[in-house]
Amino acid sequence: MAVWPVKQVIPEKNQRRLKETSRNGGSVSRQIARLLRVITISANNDSPVHMAVTGPDVEVRELNYEEFPLAEKLWEEYRGQKNDMPEERVFGVFGNATLAATARCTRHPDGLEMDCVFSSERFRGRGYARRAVQALIDACGSEQIFIHSTIVLISFYKTFGFVPIPEDQLPRTIRERFLFCFGEMEGCNVCPMVRGGR
């Protein structure tokens, strides 16, 4: 995998911000980390080209099929989820080369479903789950995407354009998969949501 810097020169307006940060006692290195970005491109012709916005020691991209065991290992902390290729795409955030957060998109016969939005305990509070969801939406958001949000995360998903819907508006196969895995929605503290396609 090759990594090419997009721009190593910090624009003048950002240089002013760095000087202000330094004068005010802020962390210049943290400010620089926010300003620098690189693009990672997979040179493997057998798989699609993956572009990822990254920062120091952070990479956001779609996982290759060979990397799915990394997601399954991470999901042991979650619910012991497994991947079911070829209907699934997994987007991840790597922190220091370790898979730290994921979001999975599954194609059902009647729609797309996002699940397995999860960040490892040791990487929480860094916005990694948000970045994984955004990568998924960037890649799959041309179609409607359905989710089963926990009640406490409804406001999080609304920031991506998801809106609550009645259970009977879920596509049949997505609703049946949820019921098979978790039982009735009522009492599970979940809310079906949808995000319209572009």
Protein backbone atom coordinates (compact mmCIF):
# COMPACT_ATOMS: atom_id res chain seq x y z
CA MET A 1 0.00 0.00 0.00
CA ALA A 2 1.46 3.33 -1.05
CA VAL A 3 0.94 6.60 0.81
CA TRP A 4 1.33 9.97 -0.89
CA PRO A 5 1.03 13.25 1.01
CA VAL A 6 -1.64 15.50 -0.47
CA LYS A 7 0.07 18.66 0.70
CA GLN A 8 3.02 18.92 3.01
CA VAL A 9 2.90 22.72 3.11
CA ILE A 10 0.55 24.19 5.70
CA PRO A 11 -1.51 26.98 4.08
CA GLU A 12 -0.82 30.53 5.30
CA LYS A 13 -4.19 30.93 7.07
CA ASN A 14 -3.46 27.73 9.02
CA GLN A 15 0.04 28.95 9.86
CA ARG A 16 -1.59 31.99 11.51
CA ARG A 17 -3.81 29.63 13.53
CA LEU A 18 -0.73 27.69 14.67
CA LYS A 19 0.97 30.89 15.84
CA GLU A 20 -2.19 31.92 17.73
CA THR A 21 -2.46 28.46 19.28
CA SER A 22 1.16 28.64 20.41
CA ARG A 23 0.74 32.17 21.88
CA ASN A 24 -2.37 31.06 23.77
CA GLY A 25 -0.60 28.05 25.30
CA GLY A 26 -2.36 25.46 23.12
CA SER A 27 -0.88 22.29 21.67
CA VAL A 28 0.73 23.10 18.34
CA SER A 29 1.32 19.42 17.54
CA ARG A 30 -2.38 18.65 18.03
CA GLN A 31 -3.27 21.57 15.75
CA ILE A 32 -0.83 20.33 13.09
CA ALA A 33 -2.35 16.86 13.33
CA ARG A 34 -5.75 18.34 12.48
CA LEU A 35 -4.36 20.23 9.49
CA LEU A 36 -2.41 17.46 7.75
CA ARG A 37 -4.15 14.80 5.65
CA VAL A 38 -2.89 12.06 3.32
CA ILE A 39 -4.50 9.78 0.76
CA THR A 40 -3.88 6.04 0.88
CA ILE A 41 -4.33 4.12 -2.36
CA SER A 42 -4.25 0.35 -2.64
CA ALA A 43 -1.95 -0.67 -5.48
CA ASN A 44 -3.40 -4.20 -5.55
CA ASN A 45 -5.18 -4.58 -8.91
CA ASP A 46 -7.28 -7.48 -7.58
CA SER A 47 -9.26 -5.18 -5.29
CA PRO A 48 -10.87 -1.78 -5.79
CA VAL A 49 -8.82 1.32 -5.17
CA HIS A 50 -9.40 2.56 -1.64
CA MET A 51 -8.98 6.20 -0.81
CA ALA A 52 -8.78 7.21 2.80
CA VAL A 53 -8.46 10.43 4.70
CA THR A 54 -5.92 9.93 7.41
CA GLY A 55 -4.09 11.79 10.10
CA PRO A 56 -1.06 10.89 12.14
CA ASP A 57 -1.36 7.14 12.79
CA VAL A 58 -5.07 7.09 11.78
CA GLU A 59 -6.43 5.56 8.59
CA VAL A 60 -10.09 5.39 7.48
CA ARG A 61 -10.98 2.99 4.65
CA GLU A 62 -12.95 0.01 3.45
CA LEU A 63 -11.56 -3.33 4.59
CA ASN A 64 -10.47 -5.91 2.01
CA TYR A 65 -11.99 -9.37 2.24
CA GLU A 66 -8.71 -10.71 3.68
CA GLU A 67 -9.04 -8.22 6.55
CA PHE A 68 -12.51 -9.34 7.63
CA PRO A 69 -11.06 -11.51 10.43
CA LEU A 70 -9.78 -8.25 11.99
CA ALA A 71 -13.36 -6.98 12.15
CA GLU A 72 -14.62 -10.26 13.59
CA LYS A 73 -11.90 -10.09 16.26
CA LEU A 74 -12.97 -6.53 17.15
CA TRP A 75 -16.64 -7.58 17.22
CA GLU A 76 -15.87 -10.15 19.94
CA GLU A 77 -16.09 -7.08 22.23
CA TYR A 78 -19.42 -6.22 20.62
CA ARG A 79 -21.77 -9.14 19.94
CA GLY A 80 -19.60 -11.78 18.34
CA GLN A 81 -20.76 -10.75 14.86
CA LYS A 82 -19.42 -12.52 11.76
CA ASN A 83 -19.08 -11.37 8.16
CA ASP A 84 -21.17 -12.91 5.40
CA MET A 85 -19.44 -12.03 2.13
CA PRO A 86 -20.19 -11.08 -0.63
CA GLU A 87 -23.19 -9.07 0.56
CA GLU A 88 -21.21 -7.07 3.11
CA ARG A 89 -18.83 -4.16 3.06
CA VAL A 90 -16.95 -3.16 6.21
CA PHE A 91 -15.46 0.28 6.77
CA GLY A 92 -12.86 0.74 9.45
CA VAL A 93 -10.75 3.22 11.30
CA PHE A 94 -7.25 2.07 12.11
CA GLY A 95 -5.39 3.70 14.99
CA ASN A 96 -1.67 2.95 15.02
CA ALA A 97 -2.31 0.11 12.51
CA THR A 98 -4.91 -1.49 14.82
CA LEU A 99 -8.56 -1.75 13.73
CA ALA A 100 -10.26 0.55 16.23
CA ALA A 101 -13.80 1.09 14.87
CA THR A 102 -16.12 -0.30 12.20
CA ALA A 103 -19.37 0.23 10.36
CA ARG A 104 -20.82 -2.55 8.19
CA CYS A 105 -23.16 -2.26 5.20
CA THR A 106 -25.12 -5.36 4.19
CA ARG A 107 -27.08 -5.67 0.96
CA HIS A 108 -30.36 -7.49 1.56
CA PRO A 109 -32.73 -8.46 -1.28
CA ASP A 110 -34.82 -5.35 -0.56
CA GLY A 111 -32.39 -2.76 0.81
CA LEU A 112 -29.15 -1.78 2.52
CA GLU A 113 -28.63 -2.10 6.26
CA MET A 114 -25.91 -0.54 8.38
CA ASP A 115 -24.88 -2.25 11.60
CA CYS A 116 -21.78 -3.17 13.59
CA VAL A 117 -21.05 0.48 14.27
CA PHE A 118 -18.59 -0.15 17.03
CA SER A 119 -15.45 1.30 18.54
CA SER A 120 -13.12 -0.70 20.77
CA GLU A 121 -13.19 0.35 24.41
CA ARG A 122 -9.59 1.54 24.31
CA PHE A 123 -10.24 3.81 21.30
CA ARG A 124 -13.50 5.41 22.43
CA GLY A 125 -13.96 9.15 22.66
CA ARG A 126 -11.84 9.90 19.57
CA GLY A 127 -14.65 10.12 16.99
CA TYR A 128 -13.59 6.91 15.26
CA ALA A 129 -17.10 5.41 15.03
CA ARG A 130 -18.30 8.67 13.45
CA ARG A 131 -15.51 8.47 10.87
CA ALA A 132 -16.34 4.83 10.06
CA VAL A 133 -20.03 5.70 9.55
CA GLN A 134 -19.09 8.65 7.33
CA ALA A 135 -16.86 6.41 5.19
CA LEU A 136 -19.74 3.96 4.78
CA ILE A 137 -22.16 6.74 3.81
CA ASP A 138 -19.65 8.20 1.36
CA ALA A 139 -19.37 4.81 -0.36
CA CYS A 140 -22.93 3.45 -0.05
CA GLY A 141 -25.10 6.54 0.47
CA SER A 142 -26.50 6.72 -3.06
CA GLU A 143 -29.19 4.29 -1.86
CA GLN A 144 -31.43 4.31 1.20
CA ILE A 145 -29.72 2.84 4.26
CA PHE A 146 -31.70 1.36 7.16
CA ILE A 147 -30.48 0.92 10.73
CA HIS A 148 -31.72 -0.24 14.10
CA SER A 149 -30.46 2.46 16.45
CA THR A 150 -30.39 2.10 20.18
CA ILE A 151 -32.52 4.82 21.77
CA VAL A 152 -29.48 6.63 23.19
CA LEU A 153 -27.83 6.89 19.75
CA ILE A 154 -30.77 8.32 17.79
CA SER A 155 -29.34 11.85 17.97
CA PHE A 156 -25.93 10.57 16.76
CA TYR A 157 -27.47 8.97 13.67
CA LYS A 158 -29.61 12.04 12.98
CA THR A 159 -26.37 13.99 12.38
CA PHE A 160 -25.87 11.75 9.30
CA GLY A 161 -29.39 12.35 8.00
CA PHE A 162 -31.10 9.27 9.46
CA VAL A 163 -34.70 9.73 10.60
CA PRO A 164 -36.83 7.45 12.80
CA ILE A 165 -39.47 5.40 10.99
CA PRO A 166 -42.23 3.03 12.11
CA GLU A 167 -41.18 -0.60 12.27
CA ASP A 168 -43.56 -1.54 9.45
CA GLN A 169 -41.62 0.73 7.05
CA LEU A 170 -38.51 -1.43 7.31
CA PRO A 171 -37.92 -3.67 4.28
CA ARG A 172 -39.15 -7.18 5.07
CA THR A 173 -35.75 -8.95 4.98
CA ILE A 174 -34.10 -6.34 7.21
CA ARG A 175 -36.92 -6.53 9.75
CA GLU A 176 -36.87 -10.34 9.71
CA ARG A 177 -33.10 -10.44 10.25
CA PHE A 178 -33.43 -8.20 13.29
CA LEU A 179 -36.27 -10.26 14.74
CA PHE A 180 -34.33 -13.47 14.15
CA CYS A 181 -31.23 -12.11 15.90
CA PHE A 182 -32.75 -10.10 18.73
CA GLY A 183 -36.47 -10.82 19.08
CA GLU A 184 -39.25 -8.24 19.10
CA MET A 185 -38.20 -4.60 18.75
CA GLU A 186 -40.56 -3.47 21.44
CA GLY A 187 -38.68 -3.68 24.71
CA CYS A 188 -35.27 -3.89 22.97
CA ASN A 189 -34.72 -0.12 23.25
CA VAL A 190 -34.14 0.21 19.50
CA CYS A 191 -35.58 2.51 16.90
CA PRO A 192 -35.71 1.76 13.16
CA MET A 193 -34.23 4.62 11.11
CA VAL A 194 -33.58 5.35 7.45
CA ARG A 195 -31.33 7.68 5.50
CA GLY A 196 -32.48 8.59 2.00
CA GLY A 197 -30.16 8.03 -0.92
CA ARG A 198 -28.45 10.91 -2.72
